[in-house]
Protein backbone atom coordinates (compact mmCIF):
# COMPACT_ATOMS: atom_id res chain seq x y z
CA VAL A 1 0.14 0.10 0.15
CA THR A 2 2.94 2.41 0.88
CA GLU A 3 4.51 1.89 -2.58
CA ARG A 4 1.21 2.76 -4.53
CA THR A 5 -0.13 5.45 -1.97
CA ARG A 6 0.14 8.04 -4.86
CA GLU A 7 -1.71 5.64 -7.17
CA ILE A 8 -4.26 5.12 -4.72
CA GLY A 9 -4.82 8.91 -4.44
CA LEU A 10 -4.84 9.52 -8.12
CA ARG A 11 -7.67 6.91 -8.44
CA LYS A 12 -9.70 8.56 -5.69
CA ALA A 13 -9.10 12.06 -6.88
CA VAL A 14 -10.83 11.09 -10.17
CA GLY A 15 -13.60 9.28 -8.56
CA ALA A 16 -12.93 6.02 -7.26
CA THR A 17 -14.96 5.00 -4.21
CA GLY A 18 -13.25 3.10 -1.19
CA PHE A 19 -15.16 0.19 -2.22
CA ASP A 20 -13.21 0.29 -5.69
CA ILE A 21 -9.90 0.33 -4.17
CA ARG A 22 -10.97 -2.52 -1.75
CA LEU A 23 -11.82 -4.66 -4.64
CA GLN A 24 -8.85 -4.04 -6.72
CA PHE A 25 -6.57 -4.90 -3.77
CA LEU A 26 -8.64 -7.93 -3.00
CA LEU A 27 -8.99 -9.16 -6.82
CA GLU A 28 -5.12 -8.67 -7.13
CA SER A 29 -4.43 -11.02 -3.97
CA VAL A 30 -6.75 -13.63 -4.92
CA LEU A 31 -5.33 -13.58 -8.37
CA LEU A 32 -1.92 -13.92 -7.29
CA SER A 33 -3.15 -16.76 -4.88
CA ILE A 34 -4.56 -18.36 -7.67
CA ILE A 35 -1.69 -18.44 -9.82
CA GLY A 36 0.55 -19.43 -7.05
CA GLY A 37 -1.85 -22.35 -5.96
CA THR A 38 -2.03 -23.69 -9.69
CA ILE A 39 1.73 -23.47 -10.20
CA GLY A 40 2.35 -25.03 -6.84
CA ILE A 41 -0.02 -28.05 -7.74
CA LEU A 42 1.66 -28.45 -11.24
CA ILE A 43 5.11 -28.51 -9.79
CA SER A 44 4.04 -30.85 -6.84
CA SER A 45 2.16 -33.39 -9.19
CA GLY A 46 5.05 -33.22 -11.54
CA LEU A 47 7.61 -34.22 -8.59
CA ALA A 48 5.32 -36.72 -7.45
CA LEU A 49 5.46 -38.42 -10.91
CA GLY A 50 8.89 -38.05 -11.03
CA ALA A 51 9.60 -39.49 -7.71
CA ALA A 52 7.43 -42.50 -8.77
CA LEU A 53 9.20 -43.04 -11.83
CA ALA A 54 12.60 -42.84 -10.21
CA VAL A 55 11.55 -45.27 -7.64
CA THR A 56 10.25 -47.87 -10.00
CA LYS A 57 12.84 -47.41 -12.44
CA PHE A 58 15.94 -47.25 -10.70
CA LEU A 59 15.54 -48.42 -6.96
CA ILE A 60 13.00 -51.28 -7.01
CA LYS A 61 13.30 -52.59 -10.44
CA ASP A 62 9.85 -54.82 -10.66
CA SER A 63 7.73 -52.26 -8.47
CA GLN A 64 4.62 -51.47 -9.41
CA TRP A 65 4.37 -48.34 -7.06
CA PRO A 66 1.70 -46.03 -8.46
CA ALA A 67 2.00 -42.48 -9.27
CA SER A 68 -1.22 -41.21 -7.95
CA PHE A 69 -2.48 -37.91 -8.08
CA SER A 70 -5.23 -36.82 -5.53
CA ILE A 71 -7.64 -34.40 -6.91
CA ASN A 72 -9.08 -33.76 -3.26
CA ALA A 73 -5.56 -33.00 -2.10
CA ALA A 74 -5.15 -30.54 -5.11
CA ALA A 75 -8.75 -29.04 -4.52
CA ALA A 76 -7.82 -28.48 -0.72
CA ALA A 77 -4.47 -26.89 -1.46
CA PHE A 78 -5.72 -24.49 -4.15
CA LEU A 79 -8.68 -23.69 -1.59
CA VAL A 80 -6.30 -22.77 1.50
CA SER A 81 -3.91 -20.46 -0.99
CA THR A 82 -7.07 -18.54 -1.95
CA VAL A 83 -8.11 -18.17 1.50
CA ILE A 84 -4.93 -17.17 2.65
CA GLY A 85 -4.68 -14.57 -0.33
CA VAL A 86 -8.17 -13.19 0.73
CA THR A 87 -7.01 -13.22 4.48
CA PHE A 88 -3.75 -11.31 4.08
CA GLY A 89 -5.24 -8.84 1.33
CA LEU A 90 -7.74 -7.89 3.45
CA TYR A 91 -5.68 -5.49 5.73
CA PRO A 92 -3.75 -3.78 2.93
CA ALA A 93 -7.08 -3.59 0.84
CA ILE A 94 -8.89 -1.91 4.03
CA LYS A 95 -5.95 0.41 4.59
CA ALA A 96 -6.00 1.84 1.07
CA SER A 97 -9.51 2.32 0.85
CA ARG A 98 -9.24 4.43 3.94
CA LEU A 99 -6.50 6.97 2.51
CA GLN A 100 -7.54 10.51 1.99
CA PRO A 101 -6.72 11.70 -1.47
CA THR A 102 -5.23 14.85 -0.59
CA GLU A 103 -2.82 13.17 1.78
CA ALA A 104 -2.12 10.39 -0.90
CA LEU A 105 -1.27 12.72 -3.38
CA ARG A 106 1.06 14.38 -1.11
CA TYR A 107 3.20 11.46 -0.25
CA GLU A 108 6.65 11.12 -1.35
């Protein structure tokens, strides 16, 4: 919020409401959380598949160790990352929406 104080002040000076500012900050935090959750799920599933292949190919020759991917676990991880994004995006969103345009534009 402090890095974007002037931007917030300018938006409020041209008519953005506190709700608009809160919505912008919350959407940004949720979007970043969704992207992070998606990347995390892709990386972890790739690592799990790689580990399963490594075990079956190099460690235990005739093993049928299945490489499984739990949709429930992925959905839970995705949900947790989104909830964390909303939770930790609330305070900056509220703080940004309460800035006065004149004070924010004067901020250096």
